[in-house]
């Protein structure tokens, strides 16, 4: 089995809005994440898994709050950050051992 990490990243990113105004919806990133969880097919493990790293928007939210910025940009998430979160998430539980092996061995 091979996976195209960058294609999975782009597909997940495309589901998110370009920007989220935290003054209009402070819970926007969490609300969007849970809405996407409901529409992503439950039998598509890779698409489900690729939604997790976008919870890393928490870091964007923290930086925004610390600097007085009210708008965050999910489309600004870099592949390197996404990959780091994917690796961390897949290492969190042995039930993801097969997916982790694929992710770590795939070069795309």
N, C-alpha and C. Protein backbone atom coordinates (compact mmCIF):
# COMPACT_ATOMS: atom_id res chain seq x y z
N UNK A 1 0.84 -1.18 0.00
CA UNK A 1 0.00 0.00 0.00
C UNK A 1 0.88 1.24 0.00
N UNK A 2 0.55 2.17 -0.85
CA UNK A 2 1.25 3.45 -0.83
C UNK A 2 0.22 4.55 -0.60
N UNK A 3 0.69 5.60 0.01
CA UNK A 3 -0.16 6.75 0.24
C UNK A 3 0.56 7.99 -0.26
N UNK A 4 -0.20 8.96 -0.68
CA UNK A 4 0.38 10.22 -1.09
C UNK A 4 0.09 11.22 0.02
N UNK A 5 1.07 11.43 0.88
CA UNK A 5 0.90 12.28 2.05
C UNK A 5 0.48 13.69 1.68
N UNK A 6 1.13 14.22 0.65
CA UNK A 6 0.83 15.61 0.27
C UNK A 6 -0.60 15.73 -0.26
N UNK A 7 -1.04 14.73 -1.02
CA UNK A 7 -2.42 14.75 -1.54
C UNK A 7 -3.42 14.65 -0.38
N UNK A 8 -3.13 13.82 0.61
CA UNK A 8 -4.00 13.73 1.78
C UNK A 8 -4.05 15.05 2.53
N UNK A 9 -2.89 15.68 2.68
CA UNK A 9 -2.79 16.99 3.33
C UNK A 9 -3.63 18.03 2.58
N UNK A 10 -3.46 18.09 1.28
CA UNK A 10 -4.19 19.07 0.48
C UNK A 10 -5.70 18.81 0.52
N UNK A 11 -6.09 17.55 0.49
CA UNK A 11 -7.52 17.21 0.55
C UNK A 11 -8.12 17.63 1.89
N UNK A 12 -7.41 17.36 2.97
CA UNK A 12 -7.90 17.75 4.29
C UNK A 12 -7.96 19.28 4.41
N UNK A 13 -6.91 19.93 3.96
CA UNK A 13 -6.85 21.39 4.06
C UNK A 13 -7.98 22.05 3.26
N UNK A 14 -8.33 21.45 2.13
CA UNK A 14 -9.36 22.04 1.27
C UNK A 14 -10.74 22.04 1.93
N UNK A 15 -10.94 21.22 2.94
CA UNK A 15 -12.21 21.17 3.64
C UNK A 15 -12.39 22.32 4.62
N UNK A 16 -11.28 22.96 4.98
CA UNK A 16 -11.31 24.05 5.95
C UNK A 16 -11.49 25.39 5.24
N UNK A 17 -12.13 26.36 5.92
CA UNK A 17 -12.21 27.70 5.32
C UNK A 17 -10.82 28.32 5.27
N UNK A 18 -10.64 29.28 4.37
CA UNK A 18 -9.34 29.93 4.25
C UNK A 18 -8.97 30.68 5.52
N UNK A 19 -9.97 31.31 6.16
CA UNK A 19 -9.72 32.03 7.40
C UNK A 19 -10.88 31.78 8.37
N UNK A 20 -10.57 31.97 9.64
CA UNK A 20 -11.58 31.88 10.70
C UNK A 20 -11.41 33.12 11.57
N UNK A 21 -12.49 33.88 11.71
CA UNK A 21 -12.47 35.08 12.55
C UNK A 21 -12.89 34.69 13.96
N UNK A 22 -11.92 34.69 14.86
CA UNK A 22 -12.17 34.25 16.23
C UNK A 22 -13.04 35.22 17.02
N UNK A 23 -13.13 36.48 16.57
CA UNK A 23 -14.02 37.41 17.27
C UNK A 23 -15.48 37.10 16.95
N UNK A 24 -15.73 36.58 15.77
CA UNK A 24 -17.09 36.22 15.38
C UNK A 24 -17.47 34.84 15.91
N UNK A 25 -16.50 33.95 15.99
CA UNK A 25 -16.78 32.59 16.44
C UNK A 25 -15.55 32.04 17.16
N UNK A 26 -15.44 32.32 18.47
CA UNK A 26 -14.27 31.86 19.23
C UNK A 26 -14.08 30.34 19.20
N UNK A 27 -15.17 29.60 19.02
CA UNK A 27 -15.08 28.14 18.97
C UNK A 27 -15.06 27.62 17.54
N UNK A 28 -14.87 28.50 16.58
CA UNK A 28 -14.92 28.14 15.17
C UNK A 28 -14.08 26.94 14.78
N UNK A 29 -12.79 26.92 15.13
CA UNK A 29 -11.97 25.77 14.73
C UNK A 29 -12.51 24.44 15.27
N UNK A 30 -12.97 24.43 16.50
CA UNK A 30 -13.50 23.19 17.09
C UNK A 30 -14.83 22.81 16.44
N UNK A 31 -15.67 23.80 16.21
CA UNK A 31 -16.97 23.54 15.58
C UNK A 31 -16.77 22.99 14.16
N UNK A 32 -15.84 23.59 13.44
CA UNK A 32 -15.57 23.15 12.07
C UNK A 32 -15.01 21.73 12.07
N UNK A 33 -14.06 21.47 12.98
CA UNK A 33 -13.47 20.13 13.07
C UNK A 33 -14.56 19.08 13.28
N UNK A 34 -15.46 19.31 14.25
CA UNK A 34 -16.49 18.31 14.54
C UNK A 34 -17.49 18.19 13.41
N UNK A 35 -17.78 19.28 12.71
CA UNK A 35 -18.67 19.20 11.55
C UNK A 35 -18.01 18.36 10.45
N UNK A 36 -16.72 18.54 10.25
CA UNK A 36 -16.01 17.77 9.23
C UNK A 36 -15.93 16.30 9.62
N UNK A 37 -15.73 16.02 10.90
CA UNK A 37 -15.71 14.63 11.37
C UNK A 37 -17.00 13.91 10.99
N UNK A 38 -18.11 14.64 11.01
CA UNK A 38 -19.40 14.03 10.70
C UNK A 38 -19.59 13.78 9.20
N UNK A 39 -18.90 14.53 8.35
CA UNK A 39 -19.12 14.35 6.90
C UNK A 39 -18.06 13.49 6.23
N UNK A 40 -16.92 13.32 6.88
CA UNK A 40 -15.86 12.48 6.31
C UNK A 40 -16.31 11.01 6.46
N UNK A 41 -16.24 10.24 5.40
CA UNK A 41 -16.70 8.84 5.47
C UNK A 41 -16.00 8.06 6.59
N UNK A 42 -16.80 7.37 7.39
CA UNK A 42 -16.25 6.62 8.52
C UNK A 42 -15.39 5.45 8.07
N UNK A 43 -15.58 4.98 6.84
CA UNK A 43 -14.79 3.86 6.35
C UNK A 43 -13.52 4.30 5.62
N UNK A 44 -13.24 5.59 5.62
CA UNK A 44 -12.03 6.12 4.99
C UNK A 44 -11.06 6.53 6.10
N UNK A 45 -10.31 5.54 6.60
CA UNK A 45 -9.41 5.79 7.72
C UNK A 45 -8.44 6.94 7.45
N UNK A 46 -7.86 6.98 6.27
CA UNK A 46 -6.87 8.01 6.00
C UNK A 46 -7.49 9.40 6.00
N UNK A 47 -8.66 9.54 5.43
CA UNK A 47 -9.30 10.85 5.44
C UNK A 47 -9.69 11.24 6.87
N UNK A 48 -10.15 10.28 7.65
CA UNK A 48 -10.46 10.56 9.05
C UNK A 48 -9.20 10.99 9.81
N UNK A 49 -8.13 10.25 9.62
CA UNK A 49 -6.89 10.53 10.33
C UNK A 49 -6.32 11.90 9.96
N UNK A 50 -6.46 12.29 8.71
CA UNK A 50 -5.87 13.56 8.29
C UNK A 50 -6.62 14.77 8.83
N UNK A 51 -7.78 14.58 9.42
CA UNK A 51 -8.48 15.69 10.04
C UNK A 51 -7.84 16.06 11.39
N UNK A 52 -7.23 15.09 12.06
CA UNK A 52 -6.67 15.34 13.38
C UNK A 52 -5.64 16.46 13.42
N UNK A 53 -4.66 16.47 12.52
CA UNK A 53 -3.64 17.51 12.64
C UNK A 53 -4.17 18.93 12.54
N UNK A 54 -5.34 19.10 11.96
CA UNK A 54 -5.87 20.45 11.87
C UNK A 54 -6.40 20.92 13.21
N UNK A 55 -6.45 20.03 14.19
CA UNK A 55 -6.72 20.49 15.54
C UNK A 55 -5.51 21.26 16.05
N UNK A 56 -4.41 21.18 15.33
CA UNK A 56 -3.23 21.96 15.67
C UNK A 56 -3.51 23.46 15.51
N UNK A 57 -4.67 23.77 15.00
CA UNK A 57 -5.07 25.18 14.93
C UNK A 57 -5.12 25.78 16.33
N UNK A 58 -5.15 24.92 17.34
CA UNK A 58 -5.08 25.42 18.72
C UNK A 58 -3.85 26.28 18.91
N UNK A 59 -2.74 25.85 18.32
CA UNK A 59 -1.51 26.64 18.43
C UNK A 59 -1.67 27.99 17.73
N UNK A 60 -2.33 27.98 16.57
CA UNK A 60 -2.59 29.24 15.88
C UNK A 60 -3.47 30.15 16.74
N UNK A 61 -4.46 29.55 17.37
CA UNK A 61 -5.36 30.32 18.24
C UNK A 61 -4.59 30.95 19.40
N UNK A 62 -3.71 30.17 20.01
CA UNK A 62 -2.92 30.69 21.14
C UNK A 62 -2.02 31.83 20.70
N UNK A 63 -1.36 31.66 19.56
CA UNK A 63 -0.49 32.74 19.05
C UNK A 63 -1.31 33.97 18.71
N UNK A 64 -2.49 33.76 18.13
CA UNK A 64 -3.36 34.88 17.77
C UNK A 64 -3.78 35.64 19.03
N UNK A 65 -4.19 34.91 20.04
CA UNK A 65 -4.62 35.55 21.28
C UNK A 65 -3.47 36.32 21.94
N UNK A 66 -2.29 35.74 21.90
CA UNK A 66 -1.13 36.37 22.53
C UNK A 66 -0.71 37.65 21.81
N UNK A 67 -1.00 37.72 20.52
CA UNK A 67 -0.58 38.89 19.74
C UNK A 67 -1.73 39.82 19.38
N UNK A 68 -2.94 39.50 19.85
CA UNK A 68 -4.08 40.35 19.58
C UNK A 68 -4.66 40.20 18.18
N UNK A 69 -4.32 39.13 17.51
CA UNK A 69 -4.84 38.86 16.17
C UNK A 69 -6.15 38.08 16.31
N UNK A 70 -7.13 38.42 15.49
CA UNK A 70 -8.42 37.74 15.62
C UNK A 70 -8.70 36.74 14.50
N UNK A 71 -7.90 36.75 13.47
CA UNK A 71 -8.15 35.87 12.32
C UNK A 71 -7.01 34.87 12.19
N UNK A 72 -7.39 33.59 12.09
CA UNK A 72 -6.39 32.55 11.83
C UNK A 72 -6.66 31.97 10.45
N UNK A 73 -5.66 31.36 9.87
CA UNK A 73 -5.75 30.86 8.50
C UNK A 73 -5.39 29.39 8.43
N UNK A 74 -6.39 28.51 8.47
CA UNK A 74 -6.11 27.07 8.36
C UNK A 74 -5.33 26.72 7.10
N UNK A 75 -5.52 27.46 6.03
CA UNK A 75 -4.80 27.16 4.79
C UNK A 75 -3.31 27.50 4.89
N UNK A 76 -2.94 28.18 5.97
CA UNK A 76 -1.52 28.49 6.18
C UNK A 76 -0.77 27.37 6.90
N UNK A 77 -1.50 26.33 7.32
CA UNK A 77 -0.83 25.18 7.96
C UNK A 77 0.16 24.60 6.95
N UNK A 78 1.39 24.45 7.38
CA UNK A 78 2.43 23.93 6.49
C UNK A 78 2.45 22.40 6.52
N UNK A 79 2.86 21.80 5.42
CA UNK A 79 2.93 20.35 5.36
C UNK A 79 3.83 19.80 6.46
N UNK A 80 4.94 20.46 6.74
CA UNK A 80 5.87 19.97 7.78
C UNK A 80 5.18 19.89 9.13
N UNK A 81 4.35 20.89 9.46
CA UNK A 81 3.62 20.86 10.73
C UNK A 81 2.55 19.77 10.73
N UNK A 82 1.87 19.63 9.60
CA UNK A 82 0.88 18.58 9.43
C UNK A 82 1.53 17.20 9.63
N UNK A 83 2.66 16.99 8.97
CA UNK A 83 3.37 15.71 9.06
C UNK A 83 3.80 15.43 10.50
N UNK A 84 4.30 16.43 11.18
CA UNK A 84 4.72 16.27 12.58
C UNK A 84 3.53 15.85 13.44
N UNK A 85 2.38 16.49 13.24
CA UNK A 85 1.18 16.14 14.01
C UNK A 85 0.70 14.74 13.65
N UNK A 86 0.75 14.40 12.38
CA UNK A 86 0.34 13.06 11.96
C UNK A 86 1.19 12.01 12.67
N UNK A 87 2.50 12.20 12.66
CA UNK A 87 3.40 11.24 13.30
C UNK A 87 3.11 11.12 14.80
N UNK A 88 2.88 12.26 15.44
CA UNK A 88 2.58 12.26 16.87
C UNK A 88 1.26 11.56 17.15
N UNK A 89 0.24 11.86 16.36
CA UNK A 89 -1.07 11.24 16.56
C UNK A 89 -1.03 9.74 16.33
N UNK A 90 -0.34 9.32 15.29
CA UNK A 90 -0.27 7.90 14.97
C UNK A 90 0.56 7.12 15.99
N UNK A 91 1.45 7.82 16.69
CA UNK A 91 2.28 7.17 17.71
C UNK A 91 1.56 7.07 19.05
N UNK A 92 0.39 7.70 19.13
CA UNK A 92 -0.32 7.77 20.41
C UNK A 92 -0.97 6.48 20.87
N UNK A 93 -1.18 5.55 19.97
CA UNK A 93 -1.89 4.33 20.35
C UNK A 93 -1.47 3.21 19.40
N UNK A 94 -1.25 2.05 19.93
CA UNK A 94 -0.81 0.92 19.10
C UNK A 94 -1.86 0.47 18.09
N UNK A 95 -3.11 0.88 18.27
CA UNK A 95 -4.13 0.49 17.28
C UNK A 95 -3.83 1.12 15.92
N UNK A 96 -2.96 2.15 15.88
CA UNK A 96 -2.60 2.80 14.62
C UNK A 96 -1.24 2.33 14.10
N UNK A 97 -0.73 1.21 14.60
CA UNK A 97 0.60 0.75 14.24
C UNK A 97 0.76 0.54 12.73
N UNK A 98 -0.23 -0.06 12.08
CA UNK A 98 -0.13 -0.29 10.64
C UNK A 98 -0.11 1.03 9.87
N UNK A 99 -1.01 1.95 10.23
CA UNK A 99 -1.05 3.24 9.55
C UNK A 99 0.24 4.02 9.80
N UNK A 100 0.74 3.95 11.04
CA UNK A 100 1.99 4.63 11.38
C UNK A 100 3.13 4.09 10.52
N UNK A 101 3.20 2.77 10.35
CA UNK A 101 4.25 2.17 9.53
C UNK A 101 4.17 2.65 8.10
N UNK A 102 2.95 2.71 7.55
CA UNK A 102 2.78 3.22 6.19
C UNK A 102 3.20 4.68 6.09
N UNK A 103 2.76 5.47 7.06
CA UNK A 103 3.06 6.91 7.03
C UNK A 103 4.57 7.16 7.13
N UNK A 104 5.22 6.42 8.02
CA UNK A 104 6.64 6.65 8.23
C UNK A 104 7.52 6.08 7.13
N UNK A 105 7.01 5.07 6.42
CA UNK A 105 7.84 4.47 5.37
C UNK A 105 7.57 5.05 3.98
N UNK A 106 6.45 5.68 3.81
CA UNK A 106 6.10 6.22 2.50
C UNK A 106 6.90 7.50 2.23
N UNK A 107 7.40 7.61 1.03
CA UNK A 107 8.27 8.75 0.69
C UNK A 107 7.55 9.84 -0.06
N UNK A 108 6.30 9.63 -0.44
CA UNK A 108 5.59 10.70 -1.18
C UNK A 108 5.24 11.84 -0.28
